């Protein structure tokens, strides 16, 4: 379908203030740019409680983390949420509005973390930190009001990439068991040749050049992009993974690789629910103040988590 009018209005608003593209920015400028985009999200959804934590990372260095408790009586199912930002940007503050909304939509105790970012910490630091956080949550969920027997992992964009990889690591390393992997327009392959990369290379918020910039800051070398821990679509087998709820946006360079991952999961016998949101741009999941489908997608993701935990 055509670009949704609300998506077009968002693009018009952003282009009204000229700014250099991400590939011309320094790393610090790119981090400030993402923070500024999400700082304009006006909603601050109340939750029952918010608690800041320090969780040991993969190399023992503490990671900032934040636990969001939903209304109701625990123990609650637990969602580890991994933020986007191209493995280079993103933090707890930028994602606080989304995490609050997703907490209430899902009824989960949501734990968000700040994994190590590139280029200071290149691949696979983010994956190892994310898996370390999942292992810590499985061990300490009860102290946070969560149920360690009901765990899920999720994330958007680069965070969706990490969530998919963590689900594979949980399978391959003997747990913890997951009820769902929530993958929101995930990066699944170091490859710029898909149809959606061709069709939406420029002019639709996330660009091909921007993804090249992110990957180049993240990977130590080109060969690393072929590693399934960087490109989960390249894993030799997806059998035995947790069920998945996958969100894609029609006008997103990452659309095709997210949908290819859904297809491979189905072929491997993994239960998958794929939702493409027509007329939407990358990042719409976090921008519900601008596009109604952002809030709709969060509600859909929350319902998927509730179904997974009920099962």
C-alpha atoms as a PDB file:
ATOM      1  CA  UNK A   1       0.000   0.000   0.000  1.00  0.00           C
ATOM      2  CA  UNK A   2       1.136   3.638  -0.230  1.00  0.00           C
ATOM      3  CA  UNK A   3       3.139   5.143   2.594  1.00  0.00           C
ATOM      4  CA  UNK A   4       0.702   5.800   5.432  1.00  0.00           C
ATOM      5  CA  UNK A   5      -0.191   9.511   5.770  1.00  0.00           C
ATOM      6  CA  UNK A   6       1.019   9.475   9.371  1.00  0.00           C
ATOM      7  CA  UNK A   7       4.359   8.026   8.231  1.00  0.00           C
ATOM      8  CA  UNK A   8       4.615  10.730   5.582  1.00  0.00           C
ATOM      9  CA  UNK A   9       3.837  13.404   8.161  1.00  0.00           C
ATOM     10  CA  UNK A  10       6.600  12.020  10.381  1.00  0.00           C
ATOM     11  CA  UNK A  11       9.075  12.165   7.502  1.00  0.00           C
ATOM     12  CA  UNK A  12       7.980  15.695   6.634  1.00  0.00           C
ATOM     13  CA  UNK A  13       8.465  16.779  10.239  1.00  0.00           C
ATOM     14  CA  UNK A  14      11.977  15.323  10.312  1.00  0.00           C
ATOM     15  CA  UNK A  15      13.059  16.764   6.961  1.00  0.00           C
ATOM     16  CA  UNK A  16      11.746  20.224   7.930  1.00  0.00           C
ATOM     17  CA  UNK A  17      14.822  20.541  10.145  1.00  0.00           C
ATOM     18  CA  UNK A  18      17.797  19.775   7.891  1.00  0.00           C
ATOM     19  CA  UNK A  19      20.320  17.428   9.477  1.00  0.00           C
ATOM     20  CA  UNK A  20      23.248  15.436   8.085  1.00  0.00           C
ATOM     21  CA  UNK A  21      22.634  11.725   7.462  1.00  0.00           C
ATOM     22  CA  UNK A  22      23.942   9.248  10.002  1.00  0.00           C
ATOM     23  CA  UNK A  23      26.839   8.186   7.786  1.00  0.00           C
ATOM     24  CA  UNK A  24      28.232  11.734   8.129  1.00  0.00           C
ATOM     25  CA  UNK A  25      27.935  11.801  11.915  1.00  0.00           C
ATOM     26  CA  UNK A  26      30.408  10.936  14.613  1.00  0.00           C
ATOM     27  CA  UNK A  27      29.425   8.131  16.963  1.00  0.00           C
ATOM     28  CA  UNK A  28      28.550  10.590  19.710  1.00  0.00           C
ATOM     29  CA  UNK A  29      26.425  12.669  17.341  1.00  0.00           C
ATOM     30  CA  UNK A  30      24.574   9.539  16.228  1.00  0.00           C
ATOM     31  CA  UNK A  31      23.832   8.669  19.848  1.00  0.00           C
ATOM     32  CA  UNK A  32      22.511  12.168  20.484  1.00  0.00           C
ATOM     33  CA  UNK A  33      20.383  11.972  17.329  1.00  0.00           C
ATOM     34  CA  UNK A  34      18.622   8.788  18.443  1.00  0.00           C
ATOM     35  CA  UNK A  35      18.086  10.189  21.927  1.00  0.00           C
ATOM     36  CA  UNK A  36      16.577  13.353  20.426  1.00  0.00           C
ATOM     37  CA  UNK A  37      14.198  11.353  18.205  1.00  0.00           C
ATOM     38  CA  UNK A  38      12.783   9.402  21.124  1.00  0.00           C
ATOM     39  CA  UNK A  39      12.904  12.390  23.501  1.00  0.00           C
ATOM     40  CA  UNK A  40      10.024  13.888  21.511  1.00  0.00           C
ATOM     41  CA  UNK A  41       7.763  10.992  22.471  1.00  0.00           C
ATOM     42  CA  UNK A  42       5.402  12.654  24.896  1.00  0.00           C
ATOM     43  CA  UNK A  43       3.836   9.726  26.712  1.00  0.00           C
ATOM     44  CA  UNK A  44       5.133   8.521  30.064  1.00  0.00           C
ATOM     45  CA  UNK A  45       2.869   5.587  30.864  1.00  0.00           C
ATOM     46  CA  UNK A  46       2.517   4.852  34.591  1.00  0.00           C
ATOM     47  CA  UNK A  47       3.520   1.363  35.721  1.00  0.00           C
ATOM     48  CA  UNK A  48       3.279  -0.170  39.176  1.00  0.00           C
ATOM     49  CA  UNK A  49       7.000   0.228  39.949  1.00  0.00           C
ATOM     50  CA  UNK A  50      10.347   1.042  38.334  1.00  0.00           C
ATOM     51  CA  UNK A  51      13.626  -0.127  39.808  1.00  0.00           C
ATOM     52  CA  UNK A  52      17.159   0.607  38.573  1.00  0.00           C
ATOM     53  CA  UNK A  53      19.597  -2.294  38.769  1.00  0.00           C
ATOM     54  CA  UNK A  54      23.184  -3.264  38.049  1.00  0.00           C
ATOM     55  CA  UNK A  55      23.508  -6.632  36.293  1.00  0.00           C
ATOM     56  CA  UNK A  56      26.858  -8.361  35.699  1.00  0.00           C
ATOM     57  CA  UNK A  57      27.830  -8.360  32.040  1.00  0.00           C
ATOM     58  CA  UNK A  58      29.683 -11.093  30.203  1.00  0.00           C
ATOM     59  CA  UNK A  59      33.075  -9.878  31.402  1.00  0.00           C
ATOM     60  CA  UNK A  60      31.929  -9.029  34.926  1.00  0.00           C
ATOM     61  CA  UNK A  61      31.499  -5.318  34.238  1.00  0.00           C
ATOM     62  CA  UNK A  62      28.156  -4.132  35.651  1.00  0.00           C
ATOM     63  CA  UNK A  63      25.478  -3.131  33.131  1.00  0.00           C
ATOM     64  CA  UNK A  64      22.812  -0.565  33.875  1.00  0.00           C
ATOM     65  CA  UNK A  65      19.387  -2.177  33.887  1.00  0.00           C
ATOM     66  CA  UNK A  66      15.842  -1.163  34.713  1.00  0.00           C
ATOM     67  CA  UNK A  67      12.989  -3.381  35.891  1.00  0.00           C
ATOM     68  CA  UNK A  68       9.400  -2.335  35.178  1.00  0.00           C
ATOM     69  CA  UNK A  69       6.644  -3.991  37.217  1.00  0.00           C
ATOM     70  CA  UNK A  70       3.098  -4.103  35.809  1.00  0.00           C
ATOM     71  CA  UNK A  71      -0.057  -3.630  37.863  1.00  0.00           C
ATOM     72  CA  UNK A  72      -1.411  -6.741  39.523  1.00  0.00           C
ATOM     73  CA  UNK A  73      -0.236  -9.525  41.735  1.00  0.00           C
ATOM     74  CA  UNK A  74       3.047 -11.313  41.011  1.00  0.00           C
ATOM     75  CA  UNK A  75       5.026 -13.308  40.445  1.00  0.00           C
ATOM     76  CA  UNK A  76       4.937 -12.030  36.871  1.00  0.00           C
ATOM     77  CA  UNK A  77       6.325 -13.538  33.681  1.00  0.00           C
ATOM     78  CA  UNK A  78       9.584 -11.832  32.734  1.00  0.00           C
ATOM     79  CA  UNK A  79      10.648 -10.195  29.465  1.00  0.00           C
ATOM     80  CA  UNK A  80      14.276  -9.266  28.834  1.00  0.00           C
ATOM     81  CA  UNK A  81      14.087  -6.300  26.442  1.00  0.00           C
ATOM     82  CA  UNK A  82      17.080  -5.332  24.280  1.00  0.00           C
ATOM     83  CA  UNK A  83      17.047  -1.851  22.774  1.00  0.00           C
ATOM     84  CA  UNK A  84      17.791  -0.897  19.192  1.00  0.00           C
ATOM     85  CA  UNK A  85      20.200   1.702  17.875  1.00  0.00           C
ATOM     86  CA  UNK A  86      22.380  -0.176  15.409  1.00  0.00           C
ATOM     87  CA  UNK A  87      24.538  -1.651  18.201  1.00  0.00           C
ATOM     88  CA  UNK A  88      26.063   1.846  18.454  1.00  0.00           C
ATOM     89  CA  UNK A  89      23.371   3.968  20.111  1.00  0.00           C
ATOM     90  CA  UNK A  90      20.431   3.575  22.493  1.00  0.00           C
ATOM     91  CA  UNK A  91      20.063   3.616  26.265  1.00  0.00           C
ATOM     92  CA  UNK A  92      17.551   3.146  29.072  1.00  0.00           C
ATOM     93  CA  UNK A  93      16.298   6.729  28.935  1.00  0.00           C
ATOM     94  CA  UNK A  94      15.558   6.676  25.204  1.00  0.00           C
ATOM     95  CA  UNK A  95      13.544   3.478  25.534  1.00  0.00           C
ATOM     96  CA  UNK A  96      11.813   4.263  28.816  1.00  0.00           C
ATOM     97  CA  UNK A  97       8.460   5.279  27.220  1.00  0.00           C
ATOM     98  CA  UNK A  98       8.313   2.137  25.082  1.00  0.00           C
ATOM     99  CA  UNK A  99       9.301  -0.145  27.960  1.00  0.00           C
ATOM    100  CA  UNK A 100       6.555   1.297  30.137  1.00  0.00           C
ATOM    101  CA  UNK A 101       3.923   0.790  27.446  1.00  0.00           C
ATOM    102  CA  UNK A 102       5.081  -2.745  26.676  1.00  0.00           C
ATOM    103  CA  UNK A 103       5.126  -3.634  30.390  1.00  0.00           C
ATOM    104  CA  UNK A 104       1.446  -2.811  30.740  1.00  0.00           C
ATOM    105  CA  UNK A 105       0.472  -4.338  27.395  1.00  0.00           C
ATOM    106  CA  UNK A 106       2.167  -7.647  28.210  1.00  0.00           C
ATOM    107  CA  UNK A 107       1.603  -7.922  31.946  1.00  0.00           C
ATOM    108  CA  UNK A 108       5.290  -8.825  32.167  1.00  0.00           C
ATOM    109  CA  UNK A 109       7.988  -7.776  34.536  1.00  0.00           C
ATOM    110  CA  UNK A 110      10.162  -6.130  31.873  1.00  0.00           C
ATOM    111  CA  UNK A 111      13.916  -5.864  32.396  1.00  0.00           C
ATOM    112  CA  UNK A 112      15.773  -3.563  29.996  1.00  0.00           C
ATOM    113  CA  UNK A 113      19.567  -3.462  29.893  1.00  0.00           C
ATOM    114  CA  UNK A 114      22.372  -1.329  28.525  1.00  0.00           C
ATOM    115  CA  UNK A 115      24.667  -3.822  26.826  1.00  0.00           C
ATOM    116  CA  UNK A 116      28.099  -2.694  25.690  1.00  0.00           C
ATOM    117  CA  UNK A 117      28.002  -0.569  22.536  1.00  0.00           C
ATOM    118  CA  UNK A 118      30.223  -0.446  19.463  1.00  0.00           C
ATOM    119  CA  UNK A 119      32.653   0.770  18.307  1.00  0.00           C
ATOM    120  CA  UNK A 120      34.178   0.771  21.792  1.00  0.00           C
ATOM    121  CA  UNK A 121      33.022  -2.839  22.198  1.00  0.00           C
ATOM    122  CA  UNK A 122      32.636  -4.628  18.897  1.00  0.00           C
ATOM    123  CA  UNK A 123      30.847  -7.876  18.057  1.00  0.00           C
ATOM    124  CA  UNK A 124      30.162 -10.139  19.922  1.00  0.00           C
ATOM    125  CA  UNK A 125      30.196  -8.041  23.124  1.00  0.00           C
ATOM    126  CA  UNK A 126      26.503  -7.084  22.859  1.00  0.00           C
ATOM    127  CA  UNK A 127      25.404 -10.693  22.320  1.00  0.00           C
ATOM    128  CA  UNK A 128      27.453 -11.973  25.240  1.00  0.00           C
ATOM    129  CA  UNK A 129      26.151  -9.254  27.566  1.00  0.00           C
ATOM    130  CA  UNK A 130      22.568  -9.970  26.511  1.00  0.00           C
ATOM    131  CA  UNK A 131      22.886 -13.686  27.196  1.00  0.00           C
ATOM    132  CA  UNK A 132      24.573 -12.948  30.519  1.00  0.00           C
ATOM    133  CA  UNK A 133      21.588 -10.765  31.429  1.00  0.00           C
ATOM    134  CA  UNK A 134      19.140 -13.531  30.539  1.00  0.00           C
ATOM    135  CA  UNK A 135      21.048 -16.004  32.701  1.00  0.00           C
ATOM    136  CA  UNK A 136      21.116 -13.524  35.591  1.00  0.00           C
ATOM    137  CA  UNK A 137      17.380 -12.877  35.256  1.00  0.00           C
ATOM    138  CA  UNK A 138      16.636 -16.597  35.278  1.00  0.00           C
ATOM    139  CA  UNK A 139      18.547 -16.878  38.549  1.00  0.00           C
ATOM    140  CA  UNK A 140      17.235 -13.720  40.236  1.00  0.00           C
ATOM    141  CA  UNK A 141      13.727 -13.275  38.813  1.00  0.00           C
ATOM    142  CA  UNK A 142      12.042 -14.176  42.074  1.00  0.00           C
ATOM    143  CA  UNK A 143      13.801 -11.376  43.936  1.00  0.00           C
ATOM    144  CA  UNK A 144      12.323  -8.906  41.417  1.00  0.00           C
ATOM    145  CA  UNK A 145       8.794 -10.301  41.659  1.00  0.00           C
ATOM    146  CA  UNK A 146       9.136 -12.437  38.545  1.00  0.00           C
ATOM    147  CA  UNK A 147       8.618 -16.099  37.735  1.00  0.00           C
ATOM    148  CA  UNK A 148      11.873 -17.729  36.514  1.00  0.00           C
ATOM    149  CA  UNK A 149       9.847 -20.478  34.814  1.00  0.00           C
ATOM    150  CA  UNK A 150       8.173 -17.943  32.492  1.00  0.00           C
ATOM    151  CA  UNK A 151      10.797 -16.064  30.508  1.00  0.00           C
ATOM    152  CA  UNK A 152      10.852 -14.320  27.134  1.00  0.00           C
ATOM    153  CA  UNK A 153      13.340 -12.207  25.216  1.00  0.00           C
ATOM    154  CA  UNK A 154      12.599  -9.343  22.864  1.00  0.00           C
ATOM    155  CA  UNK A 155      14.017  -6.307  21.146  1.00  0.00           C
ATOM    156  CA  UNK A 156      13.733  -3.969  18.190  1.00  0.00           C
ATOM    157  CA  UNK A 157      16.069  -3.566  15.197  1.00  0.00           C
ATOM    158  CA  UNK A 158      19.592  -4.270  16.491  1.00  0.00           C
ATOM    159  CA  UNK A 159      17.915  -5.357  19.721  1.00  0.00           C
ATOM    160  CA  UNK A 160      15.798  -7.759  17.687  1.00  0.00           C
ATOM    161  CA  UNK A 161      19.020  -9.137  16.271  1.00  0.00           C
ATOM    162  CA  UNK A 162      20.330  -9.659  19.802  1.00  0.00           C
ATOM    163  CA  UNK A 163      17.064 -11.251  20.934  1.00  0.00           C
ATOM    164  CA  UNK A 164      17.166 -13.748  18.057  1.00  0.00           C
ATOM    165  CA  UNK A 165      20.789 -14.601  18.832  1.00  0.00           C
ATOM    166  CA  UNK A 166      20.088 -14.942  22.562  1.00  0.00           C
ATOM    167  CA  UNK A 167      17.260 -17.366  21.769  1.00  0.00           C
ATOM    168  CA  UNK A 168      19.731 -19.442  19.747  1.00  0.00           C
ATOM    169  CA  UNK A 169      22.307 -19.260  22.538  1.00  0.00           C
ATOM    170  CA  UNK A 170      19.706 -20.358  25.103  1.00  0.00           C
ATOM    171  CA  UNK A 171      18.907 -23.378  22.950  1.00  0.00           C
ATOM    172  CA  UNK A 172      22.551 -24.254  22.349  1.00  0.00           C
ATOM    173  CA  UNK A 173      23.764 -23.656  25.902  1.00  0.00           C
ATOM    174  CA  UNK A 174      21.076 -25.608  27.709  1.00  0.00           C
ATOM    175  CA  UNK A 175      18.748 -22.776  28.695  1.00  0.00           C
ATOM    176  CA  UNK A 176      17.132 -20.951  30.162  1.00  0.00           C
ATOM    177  CA  UNK A 177      13.933 -22.038  28.408  1.00  0.00           C
ATOM    178  CA  UNK A 178      11.982 -19.277  26.668  1.00  0.00           C
ATOM    179  CA  UNK A 179       8.257 -18.964  26.051  1.00  0.00           C
ATOM    180  CA  UNK A 180       8.661 -16.432  23.215  1.00  0.00           C
ATOM    181  CA  UNK A 181      11.118 -14.393  21.217  1.00  0.00           C
ATOM    182  CA  UNK A 182       9.659 -10.985  20.329  1.00  0.00           C
ATOM    183  CA  UNK A 183      11.509  -9.683  17.268  1.00  0.00           C
ATOM    184  CA  UNK A 184      10.573  -6.188  16.123  1.00  0.00           C
ATOM    185  CA  UNK A 185      11.931  -5.385  12.635  1.00  0.00           C
ATOM    186  CA  UNK A 186      15.033  -7.420  13.523  1.00  0.00           C
ATOM    187  CA  UNK A 187      18.387  -7.298  11.773  1.00  0.00           C
ATOM    188  CA  UNK A 188      18.965 -10.931  10.790  1.00  0.00           C
ATOM    189  CA  UNK A 189      21.616 -10.866   8.072  1.00  0.00           C
ATOM    190  CA  UNK A 190      24.677  -8.860   7.073  1.00  0.00           C
ATOM    191  CA  UNK A 191      23.430  -8.462   3.509  1.00  0.00           C
ATOM    192  CA  UNK A 192      22.297  -5.414   1.566  1.00  0.00           C
ATOM    193  CA  UNK A 193      20.961  -7.231  -1.511  1.00  0.00           C
ATOM    194  CA  UNK A 194      17.324  -7.801  -0.534  1.00  0.00           C
ATOM    195  CA  UNK A 195      14.423  -6.252  -2.366  1.00  0.00           C
ATOM    196  CA  UNK A 196      13.519  -4.043   0.598  1.00  0.00           C
ATOM    197  CA  UNK A 197      17.095  -2.731   0.776  1.00  0.00           C
ATOM    198  CA  UNK A 198      16.806  -1.875  -2.913  1.00  0.00           C
ATOM    199  CA  UNK A 199      13.331  -0.329  -2.737  1.00  0.00           C
ATOM    200  CA  UNK A 200      13.791   1.662   0.476  1.00  0.00           C
ATOM    201  CA  UNK A 201      17.499   2.469   0.310  1.00  0.00           C
ATOM    202  CA  UNK A 202      16.940   6.153   0.974  1.00  0.00           C
ATOM    203  CA  UNK A 203      14.196   8.503   2.072  1.00  0.00           C
ATOM    204  CA  UNK A 204      12.352   6.252   4.553  1.00  0.00           C
ATOM    205  CA  UNK A 205      14.002   7.100   7.896  1.00  0.00           C
ATOM    206  CA  UNK A 206      16.376   4.108   8.073  1.00  0.00           C
ATOM    207  CA  UNK A 207      18.642   4.031   5.023  1.00  0.00           C
ATOM    208  CA  UNK A 208      20.964   1.548   3.387  1.00  0.00           C
ATOM    209  CA  UNK A 209      23.909   3.898   3.979  1.00  0.00           C
ATOM    210  CA  UNK A 210      22.932   4.176   7.628  1.00  0.00           C
ATOM    211  CA  UNK A 211      22.912   0.407   8.044  1.00  0.00           C
ATOM    212  CA  UNK A 212      26.302   0.142   6.343  1.00  0.00           C
ATOM    213  CA  UNK A 213      27.592   2.737   8.828  1.00  0.00           C
ATOM    214  CA  UNK A 214      26.173   0.750  11.763  1.00  0.00           C
ATOM    215  CA  UNK A 215      27.536  -2.598  10.586  1.00  0.00           C
ATOM    216  CA  UNK A 216      30.971  -1.085   9.878  1.00  0.00           C
ATOM    217  CA  UNK A 217      31.184   0.325  13.395  1.00  0.00           C
ATOM    218  CA  UNK A 218      29.958  -2.921  14.904  1.00  0.00           C
ATOM    219  CA  UNK A 219      31.907  -5.657  13.138  1.00  0.00           C
ATOM    220  CA  UNK A 220      35.636  -6.135  13.592  1.00  0.00           C
ATOM    221  CA  UNK A 221      35.868  -7.289   9.949  1.00  0.00           C
ATOM    222  CA  UNK A 222      33.641  -8.349   7.040  1.00  0.00           C
ATOM    223  CA  UNK A 223      34.062 -12.051   7.793  1.00  0.00           C
ATOM    224  CA  UNK A 224      32.409 -11.587  11.193  1.00  0.00           C
ATOM    225  CA  UNK A 225      29.173 -10.657   9.423  1.00  0.00           C
ATOM    226  CA  UNK A 226      28.846 -14.260   8.249  1.00  0.00           C
ATOM    227  CA  UNK A 227      28.930 -15.555  11.820  1.00  0.00           C
ATOM    228  CA  UNK A 228      25.420 -16.669  12.916  1.00  0.00           C
ATOM    229  CA  UNK A 229      25.922 -14.753  16.163  1.00  0.00           C
ATOM    230  CA  UNK A 230      25.959 -11.598  14.040  1.00  0.00           C
ATOM    231  CA  UNK A 231      23.557 -12.835  11.355  1.00  0.00           C
ATOM    232  CA  UNK A 232      21.086 -15.278  12.956  1.00  0.00           C
ATOM    233  CA  UNK A 233      19.506 -16.006   9.557  1.00  0.00           C
ATOM    234  CA  UNK A 234      22.756 -17.817   8.683  1.00  0.00           C
ATOM    235  CA  UNK A 235      22.462 -20.344  11.513  1.00  0.00           C
ATOM    236  CA  UNK A 236      22.740 -23.910  10.228  1.00  0.00           C
ATOM    237  CA  UNK A 237      19.571 -24.938  12.057  1.00  0.00           C
ATOM    238  CA  UNK A 238      16.684 -23.082  13.687  1.00  0.00           C
ATOM    239  CA  UNK A 239      15.070 -26.251  15.013  1.00  0.00           C
ATOM    240  CA  UNK A 240      14.094 -26.227  18.649  1.00  0.00           C
ATOM    241  CA  UNK A 241      13.977 -22.454  19.098  1.00  0.00           C
ATOM    242  CA  UNK A 242      11.355 -20.638  21.147  1.00  0.00           C
ATOM    243  CA  UNK A 243       8.147 -19.565  19.372  1.00  0.00           C
ATOM    244  CA  UNK A 244       8.385 -16.153  17.748  1.00  0.00           C
ATOM    245  CA  UNK A 245       6.271 -13.058  17.249  1.00  0.00           C
ATOM    246  CA  UNK A 246       7.880 -11.009  14.486  1.00  0.00           C
ATOM    247  CA  UNK A 247       6.980  -7.441  13.538  1.00  0.00           C
ATOM    248  CA  UNK A 248       8.016  -5.894  10.220  1.00  0.00           C
ATOM    249  CA  UNK A 249       7.326  -2.517   8.622  1.00  0.00           C
ATOM    250  CA  UNK A 250       6.470  -2.290   4.934  1.00  0.00           C
ATOM    251  CA  UNK A 251       8.746   0.695   4.164  1.00  0.00           C
ATOM    252  CA  UNK A 252      11.825  -0.600   5.959  1.00  0.00           C
ATOM    253  CA  UNK A 253      15.105  -1.834   4.440  1.00  0.00           C
ATOM    254  CA  UNK A 254      15.081  -4.593   7.095  1.00  0.00           C
ATOM    255  CA  UNK A 255      11.638  -5.913   6.134  1.00  0.00           C
ATOM    256  CA  UNK A 256      12.720  -8.773   3.894  1.00  0.00           C
ATOM    257  CA  UNK A 257      15.354 -10.221   6.223  1.00  0.00           C
ATOM    258  CA  UNK A 258      12.897 -10.187   9.129  1.00  0.00           C
ATOM    259  CA  UNK A 259      10.317 -12.009   7.030  1.00  0.00           C
ATOM    260  CA  UNK A 260      12.960 -14.424   5.723  1.00  0.00           C
ATOM    261  CA  UNK A 261      13.793 -15.294   9.330  1.00  0.00           C
ATOM    262  CA  UNK A 262      10.109 -15.947  10.027  1.00  0.00           C
ATOM    263  CA  UNK A 263       9.976 -18.270   6.999  1.00  0.00           C
ATOM    264  CA  UNK A 264      13.054 -20.197   8.110  1.00  0.00           C
ATOM    265  CA  UNK A 265      11.669 -20.583  11.612  1.00  0.00           C
ATOM    266  CA  UNK A 266       8.424 -21.985  10.186  1.00  0.00           C
ATOM    267  CA  UNK A 267      10.364 -24.375   7.976  1.00  0.00           C
ATOM    268  CA  UNK A 268      12.186 -25.568  11.098  1.00  0.00           C
ATOM    269  CA  UNK A 269       8.892 -26.306  12.834  1.00  0.00           C
ATOM    270  CA  UNK A 270       8.981 -23.299  15.150  1.00  0.00           C
ATOM    271  CA  UNK A 271       5.585 -21.639  15.809  1.00  0.00           C
ATOM    272  CA  UNK A 272       5.725 -18.149  14.285  1.00  0.00           C
ATOM    273  CA  UNK A 273       3.325 -15.246  14.081  1.00  0.00           C
ATOM    274  CA  UNK A 274       4.448 -12.635  11.542  1.00  0.00           C
ATOM    275  CA  UNK A 275       2.815  -9.205  11.448  1.00  0.00           C
ATOM    276  CA  UNK A 276       3.714  -6.776   8.674  1.00  0.00           C
ATOM    277  CA  UNK A 277       2.386  -3.265   9.301  1.00  0.00           C
ATOM    278  CA  UNK A 278       1.610  -1.758   5.924  1.00  0.00           C
ATOM    279  CA  UNK A 279       2.590   1.821   5.231  1.00  0.00           C
ATOM    280  CA  UNK A 280       4.909   1.935   8.266  1.00  0.00           C
ATOM    281  CA  UNK A 281       8.539   2.994   8.619  1.00  0.00           C
ATOM    282  CA  UNK A 282      11.368   1.559  10.664  1.00  0.00           C
ATOM    283  CA  UNK A 283      11.139   2.707  14.315  1.00  0.00           C
ATOM    284  CA  UNK A 284       7.338   3.057  14.202  1.00  0.00           C
ATOM    285  CA  UNK A 285       7.036   0.673  17.184  1.00  0.00           C
ATOM    286  CA  UNK A 286       8.592   3.360  19.398  1.00  0.00           C
ATOM    287  CA  UNK A 287       6.739   6.279  17.824  1.00  0.00           C
ATOM    288  CA  UNK A 288       3.135   5.680  18.773  1.00  0.00           C
ATOM    289  CA  UNK A 289       2.656   9.395  19.483  1.00  0.00           C
ATOM    290  CA  UNK A 290       3.078   9.977  15.751  1.00  0.00           C
ATOM    291  CA  UNK A 291       1.647   6.857  14.136  1.00  0.00           C
ATOM    292  CA  UNK A 292      -1.325   4.978  15.526  1.00  0.00           C
ATOM    293  CA  UNK A 293       0.074   1.662  14.311  1.00  0.00           C
ATOM    294  CA  UNK A 294       2.974   2.099  16.727  1.00  0.00           C
ATOM    295  CA  UNK A 295       0.662   1.747  19.703  1.00  0.00           C
ATOM    296  CA  UNK A 296      -1.327  -0.939  17.895  1.00  0.00           C
ATOM    297  CA  UNK A 297       1.840  -2.965  17.335  1.00  0.00           C
ATOM    298  CA  UNK A 298       2.851  -2.649  20.993  1.00  0.00           C
ATOM    299  CA  UNK A 299      -0.612  -3.863  21.984  1.00  0.00           C
ATOM    300  CA  UNK A 300      -0.299  -6.769  19.534  1.00  0.00           C
ATOM    301  CA  UNK A 301       3.127  -7.680  20.925  1.00  0.00           C
ATOM    302  CA  UNK A 302       1.777  -7.527  24.472  1.00  0.00           C
ATOM    303  CA  UNK A 303      -1.101  -9.814  23.527  1.00  0.00           C
ATOM    304  CA  UNK A 304       1.343 -12.265  21.929  1.00  0.00           C
ATOM    305  CA  UNK A 305       3.361 -12.379  25.135  1.00  0.00           C
ATOM    306  CA  UNK A 306       0.231 -12.969  27.205  1.00  0.00           C
ATOM    307  CA  UNK A 307      -0.776 -15.834  24.902  1.00  0.00           C
ATOM    308  CA  UNK A 308       2.684 -17.378  25.057  1.00  0.00           C
ATOM    309  CA  UNK A 309       2.779 -17.338  28.836  1.00  0.00           C
ATOM    310  CA  UNK A 310      -0.784 -18.603  29.136  1.00  0.00           C
ATOM    311  CA  UNK A 311       0.169 -21.587  26.970  1.00  0.00           C
END
